[in-house]
Amino acid sequence: MKDLKTQYEIAKNNSIEFMRLGQISNYLNALLEMNKYKRLMTAVVAN
């Protein structure tokens, strides 16, 4: 769970940086990565 949380935070920071730089494609990819880790964390908590 701790690893998922750190990977989620890294993806979140990347998305903020990409948004600041105007790199829309990379920003959207980072959002998808954040969504993936969020779903995995939810699955771990549910089990």
C-alpha atoms as a PDB file:
ATOM      1  CA  MET A   1       0.000   0.000   0.000  1.00  0.00           C
ATOM      2  CA  LYS A   2       2.865   2.343   0.841  1.00  0.00           C
ATOM      3  CA  ASP A   3       4.432   1.754  -2.582  1.00  0.00           C
ATOM      4  CA  LEU A   4       1.149   2.512  -4.329  1.00  0.00           C
ATOM      5  CA  LYS A   5       0.798   5.742  -2.362  1.00  0.00           C
ATOM      6  CA  THR A   6       4.309   6.914  -3.301  1.00  0.00           C
ATOM      7  CA  GLN A   7       3.766   6.031  -6.975  1.00  0.00           C
ATOM      8  CA  TYR A   8       0.458   7.916  -6.893  1.00  0.00           C
ATOM      9  CA  GLU A   9       2.163  10.986  -5.413  1.00  0.00           C
ATOM     10  CA  ILE A  10       4.923  10.846  -8.046  1.00  0.00           C
ATOM     11  CA  ALA A  11       2.321  10.679 -10.829  1.00  0.00           C
ATOM     12  CA  LYS A  12       0.444  13.572  -9.198  1.00  0.00           C
ATOM     13  CA  ASN A  13       3.565  15.732  -9.059  1.00  0.00           C
ATOM     14  CA  ASN A  14       4.369  14.831 -12.669  1.00  0.00           C
ATOM     15  CA  SER A  15       0.875  15.820 -13.780  1.00  0.00           C
ATOM     16  CA  ILE A  16       1.170  19.180 -12.045  1.00  0.00           C
ATOM     17  CA  GLU A  17       4.535  19.809 -13.691  1.00  0.00           C
ATOM     18  CA  PHE A  18       3.279  18.791 -17.143  1.00  0.00           C
ATOM     19  CA  MET A  19       0.237  21.039 -16.758  1.00  0.00           C
ATOM     20  CA  ARG A  20       2.486  23.947 -15.758  1.00  0.00           C
ATOM     21  CA  LEU A  21       4.684  23.385 -18.815  1.00  0.00           C
ATOM     22  CA  GLY A  22       1.713  23.026 -21.161  1.00  0.00           C
ATOM     23  CA  GLN A  23       2.520  19.455 -22.187  1.00  0.00           C
ATOM     24  CA  ILE A  24      -1.056  18.304 -22.623  1.00  0.00           C
ATOM     25  CA  SER A  25      -0.331  14.775 -23.875  1.00  0.00           C
ATOM     26  CA  ASN A  26       2.044  13.997 -21.002  1.00  0.00           C
ATOM     27  CA  TYR A  27      -0.403  15.607 -18.564  1.00  0.00           C
ATOM     28  CA  LEU A  28      -3.229  13.323 -19.683  1.00  0.00           C
ATOM     29  CA  ASN A  29      -0.962  10.269 -19.466  1.00  0.00           C
ATOM     30  CA  ALA A  30      -0.021  11.234 -15.912  1.00  0.00           C
ATOM     31  CA  LEU A  31      -3.710  11.577 -15.022  1.00  0.00           C
ATOM     32  CA  LEU A  32      -4.353   8.088 -16.382  1.00  0.00           C
ATOM     33  CA  GLU A  33      -1.470   6.778 -14.293  1.00  0.00           C
ATOM     34  CA  MET A  34      -2.896   8.486 -11.206  1.00  0.00           C
ATOM     35  CA  ASN A  35      -6.275   6.868 -11.892  1.00  0.00           C
ATOM     36  CA  LYS A  36      -4.616   3.445 -12.183  1.00  0.00           C
ATOM     37  CA  TYR A  37      -2.894   3.770  -8.805  1.00  0.00           C
ATOM     38  CA  LYS A  38      -6.043   5.155  -7.183  1.00  0.00           C
ATOM     39  CA  ARG A  39      -8.033   2.113  -8.354  1.00  0.00           C
ATOM     40  CA  LEU A  40      -5.312  -0.241  -7.118  1.00  0.00           C
ATOM     41  CA  MET A  41      -5.295   1.435  -3.698  1.00  0.00           C
ATOM     42  CA  THR A  42      -9.080   1.124  -3.510  1.00  0.00           C
ATOM     43  CA  ALA A  43      -8.850  -2.573  -4.373  1.00  0.00           C
ATOM     44  CA  VAL A  44      -6.202  -3.170  -1.701  1.00  0.00           C
ATOM     45  CA  VAL A  45      -8.284  -1.416   0.965  1.00  0.00           C
ATOM     46  CA  ALA A  46     -11.420  -3.349  -0.038  1.00  0.00           C
ATOM     47  CA  ASN A  47      -9.644  -6.672   0.442  1.00  0.00           C
END
